[in-house]
C-alpha atoms as a PDB file:
ATOM      1  CA  MET A   1      10.733  29.531 -43.975  1.00  0.00           C
ATOM      2  CA  LYS A   2      14.098  30.635 -44.146  1.00  0.00           C
ATOM      3  CA  LEU A   3      15.727  31.668 -40.197  1.00  0.00           C
ATOM      4  CA  ASP A   4      18.712  34.042 -39.902  1.00  0.00           C
ATOM      5  CA  ILE A   5      19.594  32.071 -35.842  1.00  0.00           C
ATOM      6  CA  LEU A   6      18.012  28.369 -34.846  1.00  0.00           C
ATOM      7  CA  ALA A   7      18.041  28.281 -30.808  1.00  0.00           C
ATOM      8  CA  ILE A   8      18.250  24.579 -30.443  1.00  0.00           C
ATOM      9  CA  GLY A   9      17.598  23.761 -26.638  1.00  0.00           C
ATOM     10  CA  VAL A  10      17.161  20.125 -25.225  1.00  0.00           C
ATOM     11  CA  HIS A  11      15.287  21.735 -22.379  1.00  0.00           C
ATOM     12  CA  PRO A  12      11.794  24.220 -23.104  1.00  0.00           C
ATOM     13  CA  ASP A  13      13.412  27.362 -20.860  1.00  0.00           C
ATOM     14  CA  ASP A  14      17.251  26.393 -21.997  1.00  0.00           C
ATOM     15  CA  VAL A  15      17.058  29.210 -24.740  1.00  0.00           C
ATOM     16  CA  GLU A  16      15.243  31.612 -22.360  1.00  0.00           C
ATOM     17  CA  LEU A  17      17.153  31.484 -20.018  1.00  0.00           C
ATOM     18  CA  SER A  18      21.080  31.602 -21.625  1.00  0.00           C
ATOM     19  CA  CYS A  19      20.367  33.443 -25.001  1.00  0.00           C
ATOM     20  CA  ALA A  20      16.743  35.283 -24.927  1.00  0.00           C
ATOM     21  CA  GLY A  21      18.129  38.844 -24.747  1.00  0.00           C
ATOM     22  CA  THR A  22      20.794  37.879 -27.579  1.00  0.00           C
ATOM     23  CA  LEU A  23      17.585  36.834 -29.805  1.00  0.00           C
ATOM     24  CA  LEU A  24      15.756  39.926 -28.853  1.00  0.00           C
ATOM     25  CA  HIS A  25      19.073  41.782 -29.844  1.00  0.00           C
ATOM     26  CA  HIS A  26      18.567  40.267 -33.273  1.00  0.00           C
ATOM     27  CA  VAL A  27      15.004  39.776 -34.223  1.00  0.00           C
ATOM     28  CA  GLN A  28      15.428  44.279 -33.287  1.00  0.00           C
ATOM     29  CA  MET A  29      18.064  43.817 -35.957  1.00  0.00           C
ATOM     30  CA  GLY A  30      15.041  42.706 -38.403  1.00  0.00           C
ATOM     31  CA  LYS A  31      16.552  38.734 -38.479  1.00  0.00           C
ATOM     32  CA  LYS A  32      14.243  35.915 -38.766  1.00  0.00           C
ATOM     33  CA  VAL A  33      14.900  33.507 -35.512  1.00  0.00           C
ATOM     34  CA  GLY A  34      13.773  30.316 -34.591  1.00  0.00           C
ATOM     35  CA  ILE A  35      13.571  27.914 -31.567  1.00  0.00           C
ATOM     36  CA  LEU A  36      13.671  24.196 -31.251  1.00  0.00           C
ATOM     37  CA  ASP A  37      13.255  22.121 -28.771  1.00  0.00           C
ATOM     38  CA  LEU A  38      14.282  18.967 -28.112  1.00  0.00           C
ATOM     39  CA  THR A  39      12.016  17.700 -24.884  1.00  0.00           C
ATOM     40  CA  ALA A  40       9.446  18.895 -23.484  1.00  0.00           C
ATOM     41  CA  GLY A  41      10.735  18.815 -20.129  1.00  0.00           C
ATOM     42  CA  GLU A  42       9.091  16.172 -18.540  1.00  0.00           C
ATOM     43  CA  LEU A  43      10.934  15.423 -16.351  1.00  0.00           C
ATOM     44  CA  GLY A  44      10.393  18.775 -14.524  1.00  0.00           C
ATOM     45  CA  THR A  45       9.655  18.760 -10.656  1.00  0.00           C
ATOM     46  CA  ARG A  46       6.855  21.249 -11.108  1.00  0.00           C
ATOM     47  CA  GLY A  47       4.192  21.255 -13.979  1.00  0.00           C
ATOM     48  CA  SER A  48       3.634  18.546 -16.669  1.00  0.00           C
ATOM     49  CA  ALA A  49       4.522  18.503 -20.217  1.00  0.00           C
ATOM     50  CA  GLU A  50       1.329  19.961 -21.208  1.00  0.00           C
ATOM     51  CA  ILE A  51       1.585  23.027 -18.957  1.00  0.00           C
ATOM     52  CA  ARG A  52       5.333  23.710 -20.051  1.00  0.00           C
ATOM     53  CA  MET A  53       4.669  23.416 -24.337  1.00  0.00           C
ATOM     54  CA  LYS A  54       2.232  26.155 -23.442  1.00  0.00           C
ATOM     55  CA  GLU A  55       4.417  28.500 -21.704  1.00  0.00           C
ATOM     56  CA  ALA A  56       6.578  27.788 -24.432  1.00  0.00           C
ATOM     57  CA  GLU A  57       4.651  29.123 -26.775  1.00  0.00           C
ATOM     58  CA  ALA A  58       3.731  32.517 -24.370  1.00  0.00           C
ATOM     59  CA  ALA A  59       8.042  32.817 -24.442  1.00  0.00           C
ATOM     60  CA  SER A  60       8.152  32.630 -28.540  1.00  0.00           C
ATOM     61  CA  ARG A  61       5.441  35.442 -28.699  1.00  0.00           C
ATOM     62  CA  MET A  62       7.227  37.228 -26.168  1.00  0.00           C
ATOM     63  CA  MET A  63      10.367  37.104 -27.891  1.00  0.00           C
ATOM     64  CA  GLY A  64       8.918  37.341 -31.306  1.00  0.00           C
ATOM     65  CA  ALA A  65      10.840  34.149 -32.881  1.00  0.00           C
ATOM     66  CA  ALA A  66       8.704  33.121 -36.511  1.00  0.00           C
ATOM     67  CA  VAL A  67       8.766  29.438 -35.387  1.00  0.00           C
ATOM     68  CA  ARG A  68       9.269  27.514 -32.223  1.00  0.00           C
ATOM     69  CA  VAL A  69       8.888  22.953 -33.191  1.00  0.00           C
ATOM     70  CA  ASN A  70       9.415  20.323 -30.172  1.00  0.00           C
ATOM     71  CA  LEU A  71      11.229  16.757 -31.175  1.00  0.00           C
ATOM     72  CA  GLY A  72       9.251  15.170 -28.503  1.00  0.00           C
ATOM     73  CA  MET A  73      12.600  13.171 -27.532  1.00  0.00           C
ATOM     74  CA  ALA A  74      12.162  11.895 -24.414  1.00  0.00           C
ATOM     75  CA  ASP A  75      13.322  13.880 -21.402  1.00  0.00           C
ATOM     76  CA  GLY A  76      16.772  12.588 -19.873  1.00  0.00           C
ATOM     77  CA  PHE A  77      16.904   9.342 -21.802  1.00  0.00           C
ATOM     78  CA  PHE A  78      17.258  10.915 -25.252  1.00  0.00           C
ATOM     79  CA  GLU A  79      20.093   8.980 -27.079  1.00  0.00           C
ATOM     80  CA  TYR A  80      22.941  10.050 -29.407  1.00  0.00           C
ATOM     81  CA  ASP A  81      21.668   7.594 -32.475  1.00  0.00           C
ATOM     82  CA  LYS A  82      20.823   8.223 -36.185  1.00  0.00           C
ATOM     83  CA  GLU A  83      17.483   8.488 -35.536  1.00  0.00           C
ATOM     84  CA  ASN A  84      17.532  11.535 -33.393  1.00  0.00           C
ATOM     85  CA  LEU A  85      20.450  13.078 -35.667  1.00  0.00           C
ATOM     86  CA  LEU A  86      18.284  12.761 -38.734  1.00  0.00           C
ATOM     87  CA  GLU A  87      14.831  14.095 -36.316  1.00  0.00           C
ATOM     88  CA  ILE A  88      17.394  17.734 -36.160  1.00  0.00           C
ATOM     89  CA  ILE A  89      19.301  17.454 -39.666  1.00  0.00           C
ATOM     90  CA  GLU A  90      15.428  17.527 -41.103  1.00  0.00           C
ATOM     91  CA  ILE A  91      14.750  21.147 -39.057  1.00  0.00           C
ATOM     92  CA  ILE A  92      17.805  22.021 -39.796  1.00  0.00           C
ATOM     93  CA  ARG A  93      16.986  21.545 -43.517  1.00  0.00           C
ATOM     94  CA  LEU A  94      13.845  22.632 -43.498  1.00  0.00           C
ATOM     95  CA  PHE A  95      14.877  25.951 -41.847  1.00  0.00           C
ATOM     96  CA  GLN A  96      18.352  26.488 -43.684  1.00  0.00           C
ATOM     97  CA  PRO A  97      19.692  28.383 -40.498  1.00  0.00           C
ATOM     98  CA  GLU A  98      22.879  30.886 -40.762  1.00  0.00           C
ATOM     99  CA  ILE A  99      23.873  30.783 -37.204  1.00  0.00           C
ATOM    100  CA  ILE A 100      22.990  27.785 -34.568  1.00  0.00           C
ATOM    101  CA  LEU A 101      23.107  28.375 -31.134  1.00  0.00           C
ATOM    102  CA  THR A 102      22.477  25.488 -28.603  1.00  0.00           C
ATOM    103  CA  ASN A 103      23.458  23.847 -25.344  1.00  0.00           C
ATOM    104  CA  ALA A 104      26.902  24.267 -23.329  1.00  0.00           C
ATOM    105  CA  ILE A 105      28.927  21.279 -24.094  1.00  0.00           C
ATOM    106  CA  SER A 106      29.484  20.832 -20.283  1.00  0.00           C
ATOM    107  CA  ASP A 107      27.396  21.368 -17.773  1.00  0.00           C
ATOM    108  CA  ARG A 108      25.642  20.704 -13.790  1.00  0.00           C
ATOM    109  CA  HIS A 109      22.289  18.803 -15.982  1.00  0.00           C
ATOM    110  CA  PRO A 110      23.867  15.818 -18.163  1.00  0.00           C
ATOM    111  CA  ASP A 111      21.085  16.655 -21.011  1.00  0.00           C
ATOM    112  CA  HIS A 112      22.710  19.548 -21.657  1.00  0.00           C
ATOM    113  CA  GLY A 113      26.438  18.271 -22.753  1.00  0.00           C
ATOM    114  CA  ARG A 114      24.777  15.282 -24.173  1.00  0.00           C
ATOM    115  CA  ALA A 115      22.790  17.567 -26.357  1.00  0.00           C
ATOM    116  CA  ALA A 116      25.068  20.075 -27.404  1.00  0.00           C
ATOM    117  CA  LYS A 117      26.943  17.017 -29.122  1.00  0.00           C
ATOM    118  CA  LEU A 118      23.858  15.712 -30.365  1.00  0.00           C
ATOM    119  CA  THR A 119      22.917  19.006 -32.287  1.00  0.00           C
ATOM    120  CA  ALA A 120      26.555  20.066 -33.191  1.00  0.00           C
ATOM    121  CA  ASP A 121      27.296  16.860 -34.868  1.00  0.00           C
ATOM    122  CA  ALA A 122      23.820  17.107 -36.230  1.00  0.00           C
ATOM    123  CA  CYS A 123      25.123  20.399 -37.861  1.00  0.00           C
ATOM    124  CA  PHE A 124      27.839  19.104 -39.901  1.00  0.00           C
ATOM    125  CA  TYR A 125      25.722  15.796 -41.223  1.00  0.00           C
ATOM    126  CA  SER A 126      23.078  17.852 -42.325  1.00  0.00           C
ATOM    127  CA  GLY A 127      25.753  19.499 -45.310  1.00  0.00           C
ATOM    128  CA  LEU A 128      26.721  15.941 -46.551  1.00  0.00           C
ATOM    129  CA  ILE A 129      24.474  14.887 -49.919  1.00  0.00           C
ATOM    130  CA  LYS A 130      24.411  11.626 -48.566  1.00  0.00           C
ATOM    131  CA  ILE A 131      22.413  11.777 -46.481  1.00  0.00           C
ATOM    132  CA  GLU A 132      18.856  11.719 -47.041  1.00  0.00           C
ATOM    133  CA  THR A 133      15.870  13.263 -45.522  1.00  0.00           C
ATOM    134  CA  LYS A 134      12.475  14.163 -46.844  1.00  0.00           C
ATOM    135  CA  TRP A 135       9.657  16.715 -45.564  1.00  0.00           C
ATOM    136  CA  GLU A 136       5.990  15.830 -46.537  1.00  0.00           C
ATOM    137  CA  ASP A 137       7.522  13.828 -49.106  1.00  0.00           C
ATOM    138  CA  GLU A 138      10.172  16.052 -50.570  1.00  0.00           C
ATOM    139  CA  VAL A 139      13.523  15.042 -50.548  1.00  0.00           C
ATOM    140  CA  GLN A 140      15.244  17.685 -48.951  1.00  0.00           C
ATOM    141  CA  ALA A 141      18.673  19.482 -50.193  1.00  0.00           C
ATOM    142  CA  PRO A 142      21.706  19.416 -48.347  1.00  0.00           C
ATOM    143  CA  TRP A 143      22.133  22.557 -45.528  1.00  0.00           C
ATOM    144  CA  ARG A 144      25.656  23.379 -43.027  1.00  0.00           C
ATOM    145  CA  PRO A 145      25.047  26.292 -41.193  1.00  0.00           C
ATOM    146  CA  LYS A 146      27.741  28.306 -41.344  1.00  0.00           C
ATOM    147  CA  THR A 147      28.352  28.457 -37.718  1.00  0.00           C
ATOM    148  CA  VAL A 148      27.509  27.108 -33.940  1.00  0.00           C
ATOM    149  CA  TYR A 149      27.984  28.710 -31.145  1.00  0.00           C
ATOM    150  CA  HIS A 150      27.057  27.031 -27.218  1.00  0.00           C
ATOM    151  CA  TYR A 151      25.112  29.405 -24.427  1.00  0.00           C
ATOM    152  CA  VAL A 152      26.911  29.305 -21.062  1.00  0.00           C
ATOM    153  CA  GLN A 153      23.881  27.734 -18.736  1.00  0.00           C
ATOM    154  CA  ASP A 154      25.035  26.817 -15.315  1.00  0.00           C
ATOM    155  CA  TYR A 155      28.357  25.804 -15.411  1.00  0.00           C
ATOM    156  CA  TYR A 156      30.607  29.076 -15.310  1.00  0.00           C
ATOM    157  CA  LEU A 157      33.038  28.271 -18.958  1.00  0.00           C
ATOM    158  CA  GLU A 158      35.614  30.789 -20.075  1.00  0.00           C
ATOM    159  CA  PRO A 159      33.511  32.364 -22.798  1.00  0.00           C
ATOM    160  CA  ASP A 160      34.825  33.270 -26.674  1.00  0.00           C
ATOM    161  CA  PHE A 161      32.364  36.081 -26.547  1.00  0.00           C
ATOM    162  CA  VAL A 162      29.649  37.734 -25.126  1.00  0.00           C
ATOM    163  CA  VAL A 163      26.786  39.852 -26.852  1.00  0.00           C
ATOM    164  CA  ASP A 164      25.889  42.991 -25.476  1.00  0.00           C
ATOM    165  CA  ILE A 165      21.926  42.684 -23.822  1.00  0.00           C
ATOM    166  CA  THR A 166      21.846  45.623 -21.908  1.00  0.00           C
ATOM    167  CA  PRO A 167      18.746  47.175 -23.574  1.00  0.00           C
ATOM    168  CA  TYR A 168      16.364  43.445 -23.209  1.00  0.00           C
ATOM    169  CA  VAL A 169      17.612  42.249 -19.905  1.00  0.00           C
ATOM    170  CA  GLU A 170      14.279  43.303 -17.989  1.00  0.00           C
ATOM    171  CA  LYS A 171      12.420  41.753 -21.052  1.00  0.00           C
ATOM    172  CA  LYS A 172      14.449  38.714 -20.790  1.00  0.00           C
ATOM    173  CA  ILE A 173      13.358  38.399 -17.300  1.00  0.00           C
ATOM    174  CA  ASP A 174       9.692  38.878 -18.246  1.00  0.00           C
ATOM    175  CA  ILE A 175       9.773  36.508 -20.751  1.00  0.00           C
ATOM    176  CA  ILE A 176      11.691  33.823 -18.376  1.00  0.00           C
ATOM    177  CA  GLN A 177       8.883  34.115 -16.171  1.00  0.00           C
ATOM    178  CA  CYS A 178       6.577  33.000 -19.123  1.00  0.00           C
ATOM    179  CA  TYR A 179       7.244  29.587 -17.418  1.00  0.00           C
ATOM    180  CA  LYS A 180       5.205  30.089 -14.584  1.00  0.00           C
ATOM    181  CA  THR A 181       5.786  26.335 -13.268  1.00  0.00           C
ATOM    182  CA  GLN A 182       9.035  26.776 -13.159  1.00  0.00           C
ATOM    183  CA  PHE A 183      10.012  30.008 -11.615  1.00  0.00           C
ATOM    184  CA  TYR A 184       9.318  32.221  -8.788  1.00  0.00           C
ATOM    185  CA  ASP A 185       6.155  32.273  -7.723  1.00  0.00           C
ATOM    186  CA  PRO A 186       5.176  33.134  -4.065  1.00  0.00           C
ATOM    187  CA  ASP A 187       0.960  32.034  -4.967  1.00  0.00           C
ATOM    188  CA  SER A 188       2.547  27.857  -5.959  1.00  0.00           C
ATOM    189  CA  LYS A 189       1.919  24.943  -4.176  1.00  0.00           C
ATOM    190  CA  GLU A 190       4.728  22.828  -5.472  1.00  0.00           C
ATOM    191  CA  ASN A 191       7.665  21.728  -4.336  1.00  0.00           C
ATOM    192  CA  ASN A 192      10.530  24.217  -3.588  1.00  0.00           C
ATOM    193  CA  THR A 193      13.361  23.544  -6.699  1.00  0.00           C
ATOM    194  CA  PRO A 194      17.119  25.294  -6.921  1.00  0.00           C
ATOM    195  CA  ILE A 195      15.480  27.527  -9.830  1.00  0.00           C
ATOM    196  CA  SER A 196      12.267  28.493  -8.456  1.00  0.00           C
ATOM    197  CA  THR A 197      13.467  30.582  -5.719  1.00  0.00           C
ATOM    198  CA  LYS A 198      13.177  34.603  -5.965  1.00  0.00           C
ATOM    199  CA  SER A 199      17.434  34.633  -5.841  1.00  0.00           C
ATOM    200  CA  PHE A 200      17.609  32.450  -9.283  1.00  0.00           C
ATOM    201  CA  LEU A 201      16.078  35.369 -10.695  1.00  0.00           C
ATOM    202  CA  GLU A 202      18.769  37.911  -9.332  1.00  0.00           C
ATOM    203  CA  LEU A 203      21.320  34.778 -10.220  1.00  0.00           C
ATOM    204  CA  ILE A 204      20.299  35.190 -13.764  1.00  0.00           C
ATOM    205  CA  THR A 205      20.915  39.158 -14.291  1.00  0.00           C
ATOM    206  CA  GLY A 206      24.144  39.167 -11.424  1.00  0.00           C
ATOM    207  CA  LYS A 207      25.459  36.697 -13.981  1.00  0.00           C
ATOM    208  CA  ALA A 208      24.722  39.069 -16.603  1.00  0.00           C
ATOM    209  CA  GLN A 209      26.044  41.826 -15.280  1.00  0.00           C
ATOM    210  CA  LEU A 210      29.224  39.491 -14.569  1.00  0.00           C
ATOM    211  CA  LEU A 211      29.504  38.274 -17.868  1.00  0.00           C
ATOM    212  CA  GLY A 212      29.134  42.005 -19.594  1.00  0.00           C
ATOM    213  CA  ARG A 213      31.796  43.717 -16.907  1.00  0.00           C
ATOM    214  CA  PRO A 214      35.044  42.757 -18.787  1.00  0.00           C
ATOM    215  CA  ALA A 215      33.547  43.626 -22.597  1.00  0.00           C
ATOM    216  CA  GLY A 216      32.521  47.228 -21.237  1.00  0.00           C
ATOM    217  CA  PHE A 217      28.897  46.363 -21.016  1.00  0.00           C
ATOM    218  CA  GLU A 218      26.707  46.468 -18.339  1.00  0.00           C
ATOM    219  CA  TYR A 219      25.003  42.653 -19.133  1.00  0.00           C
ATOM    220  CA  ALA A 220      25.691  40.539 -21.431  1.00  0.00           C
ATOM    221  CA  GLU A 221      25.072  36.576 -22.737  1.00  0.00           C
ATOM    222  CA  ALA A 222      28.200  34.284 -23.241  1.00  0.00           C
ATOM    223  CA  PHE A 223      29.380  31.873 -26.020  1.00  0.00           C
ATOM    224  CA  THR A 224      31.610  29.212 -26.482  1.00  0.00           C
ATOM    225  CA  LYS A 225      33.150  27.854 -29.991  1.00  0.00           C
ATOM    226  CA  THR A 226      33.987  25.269 -31.523  1.00  0.00           C
ATOM    227  CA  ARG A 227      36.327  26.659 -34.297  1.00  0.00           C
ATOM    228  CA  THR A 228      38.016  30.143 -34.794  1.00  0.00           C
ATOM    229  CA  VAL A 229      35.700  33.307 -35.521  1.00  0.00           C
ATOM    230  CA  GLY A 230      37.157  35.540 -38.276  1.00  0.00           C
ATOM    231  CA  VAL A 231      36.845  39.547 -38.291  1.00  0.00           C
ATOM    232  CA  LYS A 232      36.819  41.422 -41.608  1.00  0.00           C
ATOM    233  CA  ASN A 233      38.632  44.455 -39.393  1.00  0.00           C
ATOM    234  CA  LEU A 234      39.872  45.336 -36.291  1.00  0.00           C
ATOM    235  CA  PHE A 235      36.797  47.841 -35.323  1.00  0.00           C
ATOM    236  CA  ASP A 236      34.907  44.913 -35.280  1.00  0.00           C
ATOM    237  CA  LEU A 237      36.116  43.754 -32.227  1.00  0.00           C
ATOM    238  CA  HIS A 238      34.911  45.460 -28.872  1.00  0.00           C
END
């Protein structure tokens, strides 16, 4: 299965919180999108890895993702090493995405920045012919995505561009709430966390409004990039 976009997050729900609206928009355009989670988020205060996996599948179905894969790296303790790079390279070569969306380059959660570096470098190394990987005993061909974009997460990072998600903001919140153990549930008996409050969901929409306003959008999601973005003509710019 070839994907147009592969969204990578170190924890299940990173993708939903940060770029679900963008993925919904591209699914509506007819693009094929997939999600790769590096860990099961087992260090989360609420819920469990097993429940989190079920929540992730529910979120994927609502989003219309073609596929979702979890690499089962150690939440909080995954390392930047050859083994983890190769695991990500195998998935990139398997699905051959044109575009990768991945974690913020710097953020409140230390896993986010570390995952951003790991996945961005894996995208580069995936194009090197002398790095050999196999999938089901078949040697994989090299594949390098055309570009890698980092979605903005908890910290405010000056975006290089924003994507209009105005038609999808309500569905984005519905998708986030598939993670019933993680976010606001008035009936939950679990410990409260900074993201389990009702105000956190309100913050998500408020942040989307803040990001959209300078571009003339009601709601937007933000991204940074590490290389120059080119356009064919000035009329492509908003």
